[in-house]
């Protein structure tokens, strides 16, 4: 009986446990710190980026890259946001709350560490109207240099810029748009078959003299002198922290040279998309 028990005891025949594979399956994904053009100055208190000058991101993985090929995400216009949400180390940060310039800085860093600094794109020449393939070196793209300017006053506690319009002498205040507000603006422009100038002003205005309601803003935008509208749009671009993505382009067909601004869409990662 004893011999049978010993013979049938399954513990005697267990194979020794094999060590779990390590090596390539256990390495840590590299991370990098990315400087924010805003330096955290334009986020409210309580926001994870308030007064934060840089954020940590991980390098893209093959799984992250799958996001860029998802037709569902591309059609819904959220592929880049989903990618950024994945690579951010601090998960408290909502990508939709990012300012445009900070979002651009993260996209450029993600692309640089994922695919390198050379970016090939097709550019249509404004002289001969033919398409040329051109290589851009994104390593030279830096945050815009901010200069002192007496045209506006920035009130930090309100996150607002205040200025007086040069023609009408009307006092207005405006805000910077975050990612979700920028998307809403783009959708409004599509829905209204253009009207990008007036919709843009309606999106950024916070006050016109003592008025803060949308109906007053609409009335103001309908009657604003074009000189004041141009000034306000130019001032917004001037104060908005962003990355300078303008590069010098020379047409391979006719030799025409010009500076072009590279759009940072899904095609920035995969130009064929």
Protein backbone atom coordinates (compact mmCIF):
# COMPACT_ATOMS: atom_id res chain seq x y z
CA UNK A 1 0.00 0.00 0.00
CA UNK A 2 2.77 2.31 0.93
CA UNK A 3 4.55 1.60 -2.31
CA UNK A 4 1.38 2.29 -4.30
CA UNK A 5 0.82 5.58 -2.47
CA UNK A 6 4.33 6.65 -3.15
CA UNK A 7 4.04 5.54 -6.74
CA UNK A 8 0.75 7.41 -7.32
CA UNK A 9 1.63 10.58 -5.39
CA UNK A 10 1.43 13.27 -8.08
CA UNK A 11 3.77 15.60 -6.20
CA UNK A 12 6.61 13.24 -6.95
CA UNK A 13 6.18 13.76 -10.67
CA UNK A 14 5.73 17.55 -10.81
CA UNK A 15 8.08 19.19 -13.21
CA UNK A 16 10.29 21.86 -11.66
CA UNK A 17 8.88 25.34 -12.31
CA UNK A 18 10.55 27.04 -15.20
CA UNK A 19 11.69 30.63 -14.63
CA UNK A 20 9.45 33.19 -16.32
CA UNK A 21 10.98 34.73 -19.43
CA UNK A 22 12.61 38.05 -18.66
CA UNK A 23 14.75 40.07 -21.02
CA UNK A 24 12.70 41.92 -23.63
CA UNK A 25 9.46 41.26 -21.74
CA UNK A 26 10.52 43.10 -18.61
CA UNK A 27 12.28 46.24 -19.81
CA UNK A 28 10.96 49.67 -18.87
CA UNK A 29 9.69 51.94 -21.64
CA UNK A 30 11.96 55.01 -21.81
CA UNK A 31 10.55 58.38 -20.81
CA UNK A 32 11.41 61.99 -21.64
CA UNK A 33 10.63 65.39 -20.17
CA UNK A 34 9.01 67.90 -22.53
CA UNK A 35 9.10 71.66 -21.93
CA UNK A 36 5.70 73.36 -22.15
CA UNK A 37 5.53 76.62 -24.14
CA UNK A 38 3.04 77.96 -21.58
CA UNK A 39 5.33 77.12 -18.65
CA UNK A 40 2.08 76.42 -16.81
CA UNK A 41 1.24 80.12 -16.50
CA UNK A 42 -2.17 79.96 -18.18
CA UNK A 43 -3.77 77.09 -16.25
CA UNK A 44 -6.01 77.74 -13.24
CA UNK A 45 -5.05 76.82 -9.69
CA UNK A 46 -5.88 73.18 -9.07
CA UNK A 47 -5.03 72.15 -12.62
CA UNK A 48 -2.21 69.55 -12.67
CA UNK A 49 -0.22 71.83 -15.01
CA UNK A 50 -0.63 75.05 -13.01
CA UNK A 51 2.85 76.67 -13.03
CA UNK A 52 4.40 73.41 -14.29
CA UNK A 53 7.17 73.98 -16.83
CA UNK A 54 7.61 70.44 -18.16
CA UNK A 55 5.84 67.09 -18.23
CA UNK A 56 7.05 63.51 -18.55
CA UNK A 57 5.97 61.27 -21.42
CA UNK A 58 6.86 57.71 -22.35
CA UNK A 59 8.11 56.73 -25.77
CA UNK A 60 5.49 55.36 -28.16
CA UNK A 61 5.06 51.60 -28.25
CA UNK A 62 3.68 49.41 -31.04
CA UNK A 63 0.37 49.35 -29.17
CA UNK A 64 0.31 53.16 -29.07
CA UNK A 65 1.00 53.22 -32.80
CA UNK A 66 -2.14 51.16 -33.41
CA UNK A 67 -4.15 54.17 -32.26
CA UNK A 68 -2.91 56.15 -35.25
CA UNK A 69 -4.22 53.51 -37.68
CA UNK A 70 -7.65 53.20 -36.08
CA UNK A 71 -10.10 54.49 -38.68
CA UNK A 72 -12.78 54.76 -36.01
CA UNK A 73 -10.65 57.10 -33.88
CA UNK A 74 -9.51 59.07 -36.93
CA UNK A 75 -13.06 59.59 -38.18
CA UNK A 76 -14.15 60.72 -34.72
CA UNK A 77 -11.21 63.12 -34.62
CA UNK A 78 -9.80 61.81 -31.35
CA UNK A 79 -6.82 59.68 -32.46
CA UNK A 80 -4.19 62.21 -31.40
CA UNK A 81 -5.90 62.90 -28.08
CA UNK A 82 -6.06 59.17 -27.32
CA UNK A 83 -2.37 58.82 -28.20
CA UNK A 84 -1.34 61.69 -25.93
CA UNK A 85 -3.47 60.38 -23.07
CA UNK A 86 -1.60 57.07 -23.36
CA UNK A 87 1.91 58.52 -23.33
CA UNK A 88 1.43 61.01 -20.50
CA UNK A 89 2.92 59.71 -17.26
CA UNK A 90 0.76 61.95 -15.06
CA UNK A 91 -2.73 60.52 -15.65
CA UNK A 92 -4.34 63.45 -13.83
CA UNK A 93 -3.78 65.54 -16.95
CA UNK A 94 -6.82 65.68 -19.23
CA UNK A 95 -5.60 66.11 -22.81
CA UNK A 96 -8.73 68.11 -23.65
CA UNK A 97 -7.69 70.75 -21.12
CA UNK A 98 -4.29 71.35 -22.76
CA UNK A 99 -3.55 74.65 -24.43
CA UNK A 100 -2.88 74.32 -28.14
CA UNK A 101 0.83 75.12 -27.86
CA UNK A 102 1.42 72.61 -25.07
CA UNK A 103 -0.46 69.95 -27.00
CA UNK A 104 1.68 70.69 -30.07
CA UNK A 105 4.87 70.41 -28.01
CA UNK A 106 3.81 66.95 -26.79
CA UNK A 107 2.88 65.80 -30.30
CA UNK A 108 6.23 66.94 -31.70
CA UNK A 109 8.13 65.21 -28.89
CA UNK A 110 6.09 62.03 -29.33
CA UNK A 111 6.80 62.00 -33.05
CA UNK A 112 10.50 62.80 -32.59
CA UNK A 113 11.13 60.00 -30.09
CA UNK A 114 8.93 57.58 -32.03
CA UNK A 115 10.04 58.10 -35.63
CA UNK A 116 12.99 60.49 -35.57
CA UNK A 117 13.46 64.14 -36.49
CA UNK A 118 12.99 63.82 -40.27
CA UNK A 119 9.43 64.42 -41.42
CA UNK A 120 8.52 63.97 -45.09
CA UNK A 121 5.43 65.71 -46.41
CA UNK A 122 3.89 66.72 -49.74
CA UNK A 123 3.81 70.50 -50.14
CA UNK A 124 1.84 72.33 -52.83
CA UNK A 125 3.87 75.24 -54.19
CA UNK A 126 2.06 78.59 -54.12
CA UNK A 127 3.83 79.62 -57.33
CA UNK A 128 3.51 76.66 -59.74
CA UNK A 129 0.77 74.82 -57.77
CA UNK A 130 2.58 71.50 -58.14
CA UNK A 131 3.16 69.08 -55.29
CA UNK A 132 6.68 68.40 -54.05
CA UNK A 133 7.97 65.91 -51.51
CA UNK A 134 9.97 67.73 -48.87
CA UNK A 135 11.86 66.71 -45.72
CA UNK A 136 11.51 68.83 -42.59
CA UNK A 137 13.88 68.63 -39.63
CA UNK A 138 11.58 68.92 -36.61
CA UNK A 139 14.49 69.09 -34.17
CA UNK A 140 14.75 72.81 -34.93
CA UNK A 141 11.16 73.58 -33.94
CA UNK A 142 11.20 75.62 -30.74
CA UNK A 143 8.76 77.56 -28.58
CA UNK A 144 7.98 81.07 -29.81
CA UNK A 145 10.02 83.82 -28.23
CA UNK A 146 7.85 86.06 -26.07
CA UNK A 147 8.51 89.80 -26.22
CA UNK A 148 7.38 92.57 -23.92
CA UNK A 149 4.39 94.40 -25.35
CA UNK A 150 2.31 97.32 -24.11
CA UNK A 151 -0.66 96.41 -26.32
CA UNK A 152 -2.23 94.23 -23.64
CA UNK A 153 -2.36 93.48 -19.93
CA UNK A 154 -2.48 89.94 -18.61
CA UNK A 155 -4.38 89.37 -15.35
CA UNK A 156 -3.03 86.16 -13.88
CA UNK A 157 -5.80 85.48 -11.36
CA UNK A 158 -8.43 85.63 -14.14
CA UNK A 159 -6.26 84.04 -16.88
CA UNK A 160 -7.39 86.85 -19.17
CA UNK A 161 -5.77 89.29 -21.56
CA UNK A 162 -7.09 92.87 -21.60
CA UNK A 163 -6.63 95.35 -24.44
CA UNK A 164 -8.16 98.42 -26.06
CA UNK A 165 -9.02 98.10 -29.73
CA UNK A 166 -7.12 100.66 -31.82
CA UNK A 167 -9.97 101.88 -34.05
CA UNK A 168 -13.12 101.76 -31.92
CA UNK A 169 -11.29 102.26 -28.59
CA UNK A 170 -13.49 99.55 -27.07
CA UNK A 171 -12.00 97.69 -24.09
CA UNK A 172 -12.16 93.91 -24.40
CA UNK A 173 -10.79 90.89 -22.58
CA UNK A 174 -10.15 87.46 -24.07
CA UNK A 175 -8.98 84.01 -23.04
CA UNK A 176 -6.76 81.32 -24.54
CA UNK A 177 -8.59 78.29 -25.96
CA UNK A 178 -7.84 74.82 -24.69
CA UNK A 179 -7.96 71.69 -26.84
CA UNK A 180 -11.68 70.94 -26.46
CA UNK A 181 -12.63 74.59 -27.09
CA UNK A 182 -10.44 74.60 -30.18
CA UNK A 183 -12.25 71.52 -31.49
CA UNK A 184 -15.63 73.14 -30.87
CA UNK A 185 -14.49 76.19 -32.80
CA UNK A 186 -13.35 74.06 -35.74
CA UNK A 187 -16.72 72.28 -35.76
CA UNK A 188 -18.58 75.61 -35.71
CA UNK A 189 -16.57 76.79 -38.70
CA UNK A 190 -17.46 73.60 -40.58
CA UNK A 191 -21.14 73.83 -39.63
CA UNK A 192 -21.37 77.47 -40.68
CA UNK A 193 -19.55 76.97 -43.99
CA UNK A 194 -16.66 79.19 -43.01
CA UNK A 195 -17.18 82.33 -40.96
CA UNK A 196 -13.92 81.45 -39.22
CA UNK A 197 -13.12 85.07 -38.33
CA UNK A 198 -16.35 85.85 -36.47
CA UNK A 199 -16.60 82.40 -34.83
CA UNK A 200 -13.04 82.73 -33.61
CA UNK A 201 -13.77 86.08 -31.95
CA UNK A 202 -16.94 84.72 -30.35
CA UNK A 203 -14.93 81.81 -28.93
CA UNK A 204 -12.22 83.88 -27.26
CA UNK A 205 -14.14 86.93 -25.98
CA UNK A 206 -14.69 87.19 -22.24
CA UNK A 207 -15.95 90.78 -22.00
CA UNK A 208 -16.69 93.80 -24.19
CA UNK A 209 -16.62 96.87 -21.95
CA UNK A 210 -18.99 95.85 -19.11
CA UNK A 211 -20.88 93.23 -21.18
CA UNK A 212 -20.21 89.52 -20.70
CA UNK A 213 -23.21 87.83 -22.37
CA UNK A 214 -23.11 85.99 -25.68
CA UNK A 215 -25.77 88.16 -27.32
CA UNK A 216 -23.67 91.28 -26.69
CA UNK A 217 -20.65 89.45 -28.13
CA UNK A 218 -22.60 88.54 -31.28
CA UNK A 219 -23.76 92.13 -31.72
CA UNK A 220 -20.22 93.36 -31.19
CA UNK A 221 -18.70 90.90 -33.70
CA UNK A 222 -21.28 91.87 -36.33
CA UNK A 223 -20.29 95.54 -36.10
CA UNK A 224 -16.59 95.43 -35.20
CA UNK A 225 -14.42 97.38 -37.71
CA UNK A 226 -12.23 95.02 -39.70
CA UNK A 227 -9.12 96.83 -38.46
CA UNK A 228 -10.04 95.95 -34.88
CA UNK A 229 -10.88 92.35 -35.84
CA UNK A 230 -7.49 91.91 -37.53
CA UNK A 231 -5.77 93.47 -34.51
CA UNK A 232 -7.53 91.13 -32.06
CA UNK A 233 -6.74 88.01 -34.09
CA UNK A 234 -3.10 89.09 -34.46
CA UNK A 235 -2.82 89.86 -30.76
CA UNK A 236 -4.18 86.42 -29.87
CA UNK A 237 -1.58 84.75 -32.08
CA UNK A 238 1.09 86.95 -30.52
CA UNK A 239 0.29 86.07 -26.90
CA UNK A 240 -0.59 82.40 -27.43
CA UNK A 241 2.28 80.18 -26.24
CA UNK A 242 3.08 77.77 -29.05
CA UNK A 243 5.74 75.96 -31.04
CA UNK A 244 7.07 77.62 -34.18
CA UNK A 245 6.55 74.97 -36.88
CA UNK A 246 7.30 77.24 -39.84
CA UNK A 247 10.09 75.88 -42.04
CA UNK A 248 11.75 77.06 -45.23
CA UNK A 249 10.58 75.22 -48.34
CA UNK A 250 12.08 75.20 -51.84
CA UNK A 251 9.95 73.81 -54.65
CA UNK A 252 11.70 71.05 -56.59
CA UNK A 253 9.63 71.87 -59.70
CA UNK A 254 10.11 75.61 -60.15
CA UNK A 255 12.64 76.61 -57.50
CA UNK A 256 10.21 78.95 -55.70
CA UNK A 257 11.08 79.46 -52.03
CA UNK A 258 8.73 80.26 -49.17
CA UNK A 259 8.12 79.61 -45.49
CA UNK A 260 5.40 77.05 -44.79
CA UNK A 261 3.70 76.08 -41.54
CA UNK A 262 3.43 72.34 -41.05
CA UNK A 263 0.02 71.16 -39.72
CA UNK A 264 0.16 68.73 -36.80
CA UNK A 265 -2.60 66.28 -37.69
CA UNK A 266 -2.57 62.49 -37.85
CA UNK A 267 -0.60 62.77 -41.09
CA UNK A 268 2.24 64.31 -39.08
CA UNK A 269 2.91 60.79 -37.84
CA UNK A 270 1.82 58.86 -40.93
CA UNK A 271 1.77 61.19 -43.98
CA UNK A 272 -0.14 58.62 -46.05
CA UNK A 273 -3.20 58.85 -43.79
